[in-house]
Amino acid sequence: MLSSVLRSQRAVEVNIAIMRTFVQLRRLMDSNRDLRLRIEAMETRYDEQFSQVFDAIKQLVAEDKPRKAKAPIGFL
């Protein structure tokens, strides 16, 4: 756009630099989106695994029978 208005070599170079910057910005945004999707997938997978572990721990705690009171050790 700038080069079509000003019609100079410098304007052409600036226009090319602007276009390259926008291309790099778009690539960066795409890579961030891919990374975000991968992280979300990992969170989902590990959340399921952690919920299974916590459910198993809850079952073990629920099955635990109350213990008898022990006699104190030492002098009274």
PDB file of N, CA and C in Angstrom:
ATOM      1  N   MET A   1       0.819  -1.188   0.000  1.00  0.00           N
ATOM      2  CA  MET A   1       0.000   0.000   0.000  1.00  0.00           C
ATOM      3  C   MET A   1       0.869   1.260   0.000  1.00  0.00           C
ATOM      4  N   LEU A   2       1.808   1.265   0.906  1.00  0.00           N
ATOM      5  CA  LEU A   2       2.685   2.423   1.012  1.00  0.00           C
ATOM      6  C   LEU A   2       3.479   2.626  -0.269  1.00  0.00           C
ATOM      7  N   SER A   3       3.946   1.527  -0.834  1.00  0.00           N
ATOM      8  CA  SER A   3       4.767   1.641  -2.046  1.00  0.00           C
ATOM      9  C   SER A   3       3.950   2.094  -3.252  1.00  0.00           C
ATOM     10  N   SER A   4       2.663   1.770  -3.270  1.00  0.00           N
ATOM     11  CA  SER A   4       1.837   2.216  -4.397  1.00  0.00           C
ATOM     12  C   SER A   4       1.538   3.710  -4.317  1.00  0.00           C
ATOM     13  N   VAL A   5       1.578   4.277  -3.132  1.00  0.00           N
ATOM     14  CA  VAL A   5       1.321   5.711  -2.981  1.00  0.00           C
ATOM     15  C   VAL A   5       2.596   6.511  -3.193  1.00  0.00           C
ATOM     16  N   LEU A   6       3.681   6.083  -2.548  1.00  0.00           N
ATOM     17  CA  LEU A   6       4.911   6.868  -2.597  1.00  0.00           C
ATOM     18  C   LEU A   6       5.778   6.556  -3.813  1.00  0.00           C
ATOM     19  N   ARG A   7       5.713   5.356  -4.328  1.00  0.00           N
ATOM     20  CA  ARG A   7       6.465   4.933  -5.515  1.00  0.00           C
ATOM     21  C   ARG A   7       7.969   5.182  -5.378  1.00  0.00           C
ATOM     22  N   SER A   8       8.517   4.765  -4.251  1.00  0.00           N
ATOM     23  CA  SER A   8       9.966   4.881  -4.067  1.00  0.00           C
ATOM     24  C   SER A   8      10.515   3.528  -3.623  1.00  0.00           C
ATOM     25  N   GLN A   9      11.810   3.352  -3.781  1.00  0.00           N
ATOM     26  CA  GLN A   9      12.454   2.095  -3.388  1.00  0.00           C
ATOM     27  C   GLN A   9      12.319   1.882  -1.878  1.00  0.00           C
ATOM     28  N   ARG A  10      12.482   2.934  -1.133  1.00  0.00           N
ATOM     29  CA  ARG A  10      12.373   2.852   0.331  1.00  0.00           C
ATOM     30  C   ARG A  10      10.963   2.418   0.745  1.00  0.00           C
ATOM     31  N   ALA A  11       9.945   2.945   0.099  1.00  0.00           N
ATOM     32  CA  ALA A  11       8.565   2.570   0.404  1.00  0.00           C
ATOM     33  C   ALA A  11       8.321   1.100   0.085  1.00  0.00           C
ATOM     34  N   VAL A  12       8.898   0.609  -1.002  1.00  0.00           N
ATOM     35  CA  VAL A  12       8.763  -0.808  -1.364  1.00  0.00           C
ATOM     36  C   VAL A  12       9.409  -1.681  -0.294  1.00  0.00           C
ATOM     37  N   GLU A  13      10.593  -1.313   0.169  1.00  0.00           N
ATOM     38  CA  GLU A  13      11.294  -2.083   1.200  1.00  0.00           C
ATOM     39  C   GLU A  13      10.510  -2.095   2.512  1.00  0.00           C
ATOM     40  N   VAL A  14       9.958  -0.962   2.889  1.00  0.00           N
ATOM     41  CA  VAL A  14       9.159  -0.888   4.119  1.00  0.00           C
ATOM     42  C   VAL A  14       7.910  -1.749   3.983  1.00  0.00           C
ATOM     43  N   ASN A  15       7.274  -1.706   2.832  1.00  0.00           N
ATOM     44  CA  ASN A  15       6.082  -2.511   2.600  1.00  0.00           C
ATOM     45  C   ASN A  15       6.403  -4.000   2.706  1.00  0.00           C
ATOM     46  N   ILE A  16       7.512  -4.420   2.129  1.00  0.00           N
ATOM     47  CA  ILE A  16       7.934  -5.826   2.214  1.00  0.00           C
ATOM     48  C   ILE A  16       8.220  -6.210   3.660  1.00  0.00           C
ATOM     49  N   ALA A  17       8.878  -5.329   4.397  1.00  0.00           N
ATOM     50  CA  ALA A  17       9.178  -5.608   5.804  1.00  0.00           C
ATOM     51  C   ALA A  17       7.895  -5.743   6.622  1.00  0.00           C
ATOM     52  N   ILE A  18       6.918  -4.901   6.345  1.00  0.00           N
ATOM     53  CA  ILE A  18       5.632  -4.981   7.054  1.00  0.00           C
ATOM     54  C   ILE A  18       4.947  -6.306   6.753  1.00  0.00           C
ATOM     55  N   MET A  19       4.926  -6.710   5.501  1.00  0.00           N
ATOM     56  CA  MET A  19       4.289  -7.974   5.123  1.00  0.00           C
ATOM     57  C   MET A  19       4.987  -9.166   5.781  1.00  0.00           C
ATOM     58  N   ARG A  20       6.302  -9.151   5.803  1.00  0.00           N
ATOM     59  CA  ARG A  20       7.045 -10.242   6.444  1.00  0.00           C
ATOM     60  C   ARG A  20       6.755 -10.293   7.941  1.00  0.00           C
ATOM     61  N   THR A  21       6.621  -9.131   8.550  1.00  0.00           N
ATOM     62  CA  THR A  21       6.304  -9.081   9.977  1.00  0.00           C
ATOM     63  C   THR A  21       4.935  -9.686  10.252  1.00  0.00           C
ATOM     64  N   PHE A  22       3.955  -9.362   9.424  1.00  0.00           N
ATOM     65  CA  PHE A  22       2.626  -9.927   9.614  1.00  0.00           C
ATOM     66  C   PHE A  22       2.614 -11.436   9.382  1.00  0.00           C
ATOM     67  N   VAL A  23       3.389 -11.910   8.429  1.00  0.00           N
ATOM     68  CA  VAL A  23       3.482 -13.355   8.190  1.00  0.00           C
ATOM     69  C   VAL A  23       4.085 -14.047   9.411  1.00  0.00           C
ATOM     70  N   GLN A  24       5.146 -13.472   9.966  1.00  0.00           N
ATOM     71  CA  GLN A  24       5.761 -14.051  11.165  1.00  0.00           C
ATOM     72  C   GLN A  24       4.796 -14.031  12.339  1.00  0.00           C
ATOM     73  N   LEU A  25       4.052 -12.954  12.481  1.00  0.00           N
ATOM     74  CA  LEU A  25       3.075 -12.848  13.560  1.00  0.00           C
ATOM     75  C   LEU A  25       1.996 -13.913  13.418  1.00  0.00           C
ATOM     76  N   ARG A  26       1.525 -14.138  12.197  1.00  0.00           N
ATOM     77  CA  ARG A  26       0.513 -15.163  11.966  1.00  0.00           C
ATOM     78  C   ARG A  26       1.062 -16.552  12.291  1.00  0.00           C
ATOM     79  N   ARG A  27       2.299 -16.826  11.899  1.00  0.00           N
ATOM     80  CA  ARG A  27       2.914 -18.125  12.219  1.00  0.00           C
ATOM     81  C   ARG A  27       3.056 -18.305  13.722  1.00  0.00           C
ATOM     82  N   LEU A  28       3.437 -17.253  14.415  1.00  0.00           N
ATOM     83  CA  LEU A  28       3.577 -17.313  15.866  1.00  0.00           C
ATOM     84  C   LEU A  28       2.237 -17.591  16.526  1.00  0.00           C
ATOM     85  N   MET A  29       1.193 -16.946  16.053  1.00  0.00           N
ATOM     86  CA  MET A  29      -0.139 -17.176  16.609  1.00  0.00           C
ATOM     87  C   MET A  29      -0.597 -18.606  16.352  1.00  0.00           C
ATOM     88  N   ASP A  30      -0.298 -19.140  15.175  1.00  0.00           N
ATOM     89  CA  ASP A  30      -0.659 -20.525  14.870  1.00  0.00           C
ATOM     90  C   ASP A  30       0.080 -21.496  15.775  1.00  0.00           C
ATOM     91  N   SER A  31       1.361 -21.251  16.007  1.00  0.00           N
ATOM     92  CA  SER A  31       2.124 -22.152  16.869  1.00  0.00           C
ATOM     93  C   SER A  31       1.621 -22.068  18.303  1.00  0.00           C
ATOM     94  N   ASN A  32       1.231 -20.881  18.762  1.00  0.00           N
ATOM     95  CA  ASN A  32       0.672 -20.748  20.106  1.00  0.00           C
ATOM     96  C   ASN A  32      -0.658 -21.478  20.220  1.00  0.00           C
ATOM     97  N   ARG A  33      -1.462 -21.439  19.173  1.00  0.00           N
ATOM     98  CA  ARG A  33      -2.739 -22.137  19.192  1.00  0.00           C
ATOM     99  C   ARG A  33      -2.510 -23.643  19.282  1.00  0.00           C
ATOM    100  N   ASP A  34      -1.561 -24.153  18.499  1.00  0.00           N
ATOM    101  CA  ASP A  34      -1.246 -25.579  18.551  1.00  0.00           C
ATOM    102  C   ASP A  34      -0.759 -25.976  19.937  1.00  0.00           C
ATOM    103  N   LEU A  35       0.096 -25.154  20.510  1.00  0.00           N
ATOM    104  CA  LEU A  35       0.614 -25.434  21.847  1.00  0.00           C
ATOM    105  C   LEU A  35      -0.512 -25.422  22.874  1.00  0.00           C
ATOM    106  N   ARG A  36      -1.415 -24.457  22.771  1.00  0.00           N
ATOM    107  CA  ARG A  36      -2.539 -24.372  23.702  1.00  0.00           C
ATOM    108  C   ARG A  36      -3.418 -25.614  23.593  1.00  0.00           C
ATOM    109  N   LEU A  37      -3.675 -26.074  22.377  1.00  0.00           N
ATOM    110  CA  LEU A  37      -4.497 -27.267  22.186  1.00  0.00           C
ATOM    111  C   LEU A  37      -3.826 -28.503  22.769  1.00  0.00           C
ATOM    112  N   ARG A  38      -2.509 -28.609  22.599  1.00  0.00           N
ATOM    113  CA  ARG A  38      -1.785 -29.754  23.161  1.00  0.00           C
ATOM    114  C   ARG A  38      -1.836 -29.732  24.685  1.00  0.00           C
ATOM    115  N   ILE A  39      -1.671 -28.561  25.275  1.00  0.00           N
ATOM    116  CA  ILE A  39      -1.713 -28.446  26.737  1.00  0.00           C
ATOM    117  C   ILE A  39      -3.101 -28.798  27.258  1.00  0.00           C
ATOM    118  N   GLU A  40      -4.143 -28.321  26.589  1.00  0.00           N
ATOM    119  CA  GLU A  40      -5.504 -28.644  27.014  1.00  0.00           C
ATOM    120  C   GLU A  40      -5.770 -30.143  26.927  1.00  0.00           C
ATOM    121  N   ALA A  41      -5.268 -30.794  25.893  1.00  0.00           N
ATOM    122  CA  ALA A  41      -5.452 -32.239  25.755  1.00  0.00           C
ATOM    123  C   ALA A  41      -4.738 -32.980  26.878  1.00  0.00           C
ATOM    124  N   MET A  42      -3.531 -32.530  27.216  1.00  0.00           N
ATOM    125  CA  MET A  42      -2.791 -33.166  28.305  1.00  0.00           C
ATOM    126  C   MET A  42      -3.504 -32.951  29.634  1.00  0.00           C
ATOM    127  N   GLU A  43      -4.025 -31.759  29.870  1.00  0.00           N
ATOM    128  CA  GLU A  43      -4.743 -31.490  31.112  1.00  0.00           C
ATOM    129  C   GLU A  43      -5.954 -32.395  31.237  1.00  0.00           C
ATOM    130  N   THR A  44      -6.674 -32.567  30.155  1.00  0.00           N
ATOM    131  CA  THR A  44      -7.855 -33.431  30.180  1.00  0.00           C
ATOM    132  C   THR A  44      -7.465 -34.861  30.507  1.00  0.00           C
ATOM    133  N   ARG A  45      -6.421 -35.344  29.866  1.00  0.00           N
ATOM    134  CA  ARG A  45      -5.992 -36.721  30.087  1.00  0.00           C
ATOM    135  C   ARG A  45      -5.527 -36.920  31.525  1.00  0.00           C
ATOM    136  N   TYR A  46      -4.723 -35.995  32.034  1.00  0.00           N
ATOM    137  CA  TYR A  46      -4.205 -36.156  33.383  1.00  0.00           C
ATOM    138  C   TYR A  46      -5.267 -35.889  34.439  1.00  0.00           C
ATOM    139  N   ASP A  47      -6.235 -35.031  34.156  1.00  0.00           N
ATOM    140  CA  ASP A  47      -7.334 -34.816  35.094  1.00  0.00           C
ATOM    141  C   ASP A  47      -8.110 -36.109  35.294  1.00  0.00           C
ATOM    142  N   GLU A  48      -8.342 -36.840  34.211  1.00  0.00           N
ATOM    143  CA  GLU A  48      -9.041 -38.120  34.314  1.00  0.00           C
ATOM    144  C   GLU A  48      -8.233 -39.106  35.152  1.00  0.00           C
ATOM    145  N   GLN A  49      -6.934 -39.160  34.928  1.00  0.00           N
ATOM    146  CA  GLN A  49      -6.094 -40.085  35.683  1.00  0.00           C
ATOM    147  C   GLN A  49      -6.054 -39.704  37.160  1.00  0.00           C
ATOM    148  N   PHE A  50      -5.936 -38.411  37.456  1.00  0.00           N
ATOM    149  CA  PHE A  50      -5.916 -37.980  38.849  1.00  0.00           C
ATOM    150  C   PHE A  50      -7.249 -38.259  39.529  1.00  0.00           C
ATOM    151  N   SER A  51      -8.341 -38.104  38.829  1.00  0.00           N
ATOM    152  CA  SER A  51      -9.638 -38.392  39.445  1.00  0.00           C
ATOM    153  C   SER A  51      -9.751 -39.877  39.767  1.00  0.00           C
ATOM    154  N   GLN A  52      -9.190 -40.739  38.928  1.00  0.00           N
ATOM    155  CA  GLN A  52      -9.195 -42.171  39.222  1.00  0.00           C
ATOM    156  C   GLN A  52      -8.366 -42.471  40.466  1.00  0.00           C
ATOM    157  N   VAL A  53      -7.210 -41.826  40.578  1.00  0.00           N
ATOM    158  CA  VAL A  53      -6.351 -42.036  41.747  1.00  0.00           C
ATOM    159  C   VAL A  53      -7.054 -41.554  43.009  1.00  0.00           C
ATOM    160  N   PHE A  54      -7.666 -40.375  42.954  1.00  0.00           N
ATOM    161  CA  PHE A  54      -8.352 -39.843  44.132  1.00  0.00           C
ATOM    162  C   PHE A  54      -9.551 -40.702  44.514  1.00  0.00           C
ATOM    163  N   ASP A  55     -10.256 -41.244  43.533  1.00  0.00           N
ATOM    164  CA  ASP A  55     -11.368 -42.149  43.831  1.00  0.00           C
ATOM    165  C   ASP A  55     -10.869 -43.402  44.536  1.00  0.00           C
ATOM    166  N   ALA A  56      -9.749 -43.939  44.089  1.00  0.00           N
ATOM    167  CA  ALA A  56      -9.180 -45.131  44.729  1.00  0.00           C
ATOM    168  C   ALA A  56      -8.759 -44.821  46.161  1.00  0.00           C
ATOM    169  N   ILE A  57      -8.174 -43.664  46.386  1.00  0.00           N
ATOM    170  CA  ILE A  57      -7.762 -43.277  47.746  1.00  0.00           C
ATOM    171  C   ILE A  57      -8.985 -43.114  48.639  1.00  0.00           C
ATOM    172  N   LYS A  58     -10.046 -42.513  48.116  1.00  0.00           N
ATOM    173  CA  LYS A  58     -11.276 -42.348  48.905  1.00  0.00           C
ATOM    174  C   LYS A  58     -11.853 -43.701  49.303  1.00  0.00           C
ATOM    175  N   GLN A  59     -11.807 -44.668  48.392  1.00  0.00           N
ATOM    176  CA  GLN A  59     -12.306 -46.004  48.706  1.00  0.00           C
ATOM    177  C   GLN A  59     -11.465 -46.651  49.795  1.00  0.00           C
ATOM    178  N   LEU A  60     -10.156 -46.495  49.715  1.00  0.00           N
ATOM    179  CA  LEU A  60      -9.285 -47.072  50.732  1.00  0.00           C
ATOM    180  C   LEU A  60      -9.532 -46.434  52.094  1.00  0.00           C
ATOM    181  N   VAL A  61      -9.752 -45.149  52.125  1.00  0.00           N
ATOM    182  CA  VAL A  61     -10.012 -44.460  53.389  1.00  0.00           C
ATOM    183  C   VAL A  61     -11.365 -44.881  53.944  1.00  0.00           C
ATOM    184  N   ALA A  62     -12.359 -45.049  53.080  1.00  0.00           N
ATOM    185  CA  ALA A  62     -13.690 -45.447  53.528  1.00  0.00           C
ATOM    186  C   ALA A  62     -13.681 -46.870  54.070  1.00  0.00           C
ATOM    187  N   GLU A  63     -12.853 -47.736  53.519  1.00  0.00           N
ATOM    188  CA  GLU A  63     -12.784 -49.122  53.964  1.00  0.00           C
ATOM    189  C   GLU A  63     -11.978 -49.282  55.244  1.00  0.00           C
ATOM    190  N   ASP A  64     -11.210 -48.280  55.603  1.00  0.00           N
ATOM    191  CA  ASP A  64     -10.363 -48.356  56.787  1.00  0.00           C
ATOM    192  C   ASP A  64     -11.241 -48.459  58.029  1.00  0.00           C
ATOM    193  N   LYS A  65     -11.024 -49.513  58.837  1.00  0.00           N
ATOM    194  CA  LYS A  65     -11.812 -49.741  60.046  1.00  0.00           C
ATOM    195  C   LYS A  65     -11.231 -48.913  61.188  1.00  0.00           C
ATOM    196  N   PRO A  66     -12.102 -48.458  62.082  1.00  0.00           N
ATOM    197  CA  PRO A  66     -11.584 -47.707  63.231  1.00  0.00           C
ATOM    198  C   PRO A  66     -10.724 -48.615  64.110  1.00  0.00           C
ATOM    199  N   ARG A  67      -9.661 -48.086  64.612  1.00  0.00           N
ATOM    200  CA  ARG A  67      -8.737 -48.868  65.437  1.00  0.00           C
ATOM    201  C   ARG A  67      -9.092 -48.734  66.909  1.00  0.00           C
ATOM    202  N   LYS A  68      -8.710 -49.752  67.669  1.00  0.00           N
ATOM    203  CA  LYS A  68      -8.934 -49.716  69.111  1.00  0.00           C
ATOM    204  C   LYS A  68      -7.976 -48.718  69.741  1.00  0.00           C
ATOM    205  N   ALA A  69      -8.431 -48.142  70.837  1.00  0.00           N
ATOM    206  CA  ALA A  69      -7.574 -47.197  71.550  1.00  0.00           C
ATOM    207  C   ALA A  69      -6.439 -47.971  72.206  1.00  0.00           C
ATOM    208  N   LYS A  70      -5.242 -47.506  72.033  1.00  0.00           N
ATOM    209  CA  LYS A  70      -4.080 -48.176  72.601  1.00  0.00           C
ATOM    210  C   LYS A  70      -3.828 -47.664  74.009  1.00  0.00           C
ATOM    211  N   ALA A  71      -3.257 -48.529  74.802  1.00  0.00           N
ATOM    212  CA  ALA A  71      -2.873 -48.126  76.155  1.00  0.00           C
ATOM    213  C   ALA A  71      -1.681 -47.192  76.062  1.00  0.00           C
ATOM    214  N   PRO A  72      -1.661 -46.147  76.862  1.00  0.00           N
ATOM    215  CA  PRO A  72      -0.532 -45.224  76.814  1.00  0.00           C
ATOM    216  C   PRO A  72       0.767 -45.907  77.221  1.00  0.00           C
ATOM    217  N   ILE A  73       1.839 -45.475  76.632  1.00  0.00           N
ATOM    218  CA  ILE A  73       3.150 -46.027  76.925  1.00  0.00           C
ATOM    219  C   ILE A  73       3.859 -45.075  77.878  1.00  0.00           C
ATOM    220  N   GLY A  74       4.509 -45.630  78.867  1.00  0.00           N
ATOM    221  CA  GLY A  74       5.282 -44.796  79.784  1.00  0.00           C
ATOM    222  C   GLY A  74       4.651 -44.757  81.169  1.00  0.00           C
ATOM    223  N   PHE A  75       5.136 -43.843  82.000  1.00  0.00           N
ATOM    224  CA  PHE A  75       4.645 -43.711  83.366  1.00  0.00           C
ATOM    225  C   PHE A  75       3.432 -42.792  83.401  1.00  0.00           C
ATOM    226  N   LEU A  76       2.488 -43.161  84.223  1.00  0.00           N
ATOM    227  CA  LEU A  76       1.285 -42.344  84.369  1.00  0.00           C
ATOM    228  C   LEU A  76       1.307 -41.545  85.618  1.00  0.00           C
TER     229      LEU A  76
END
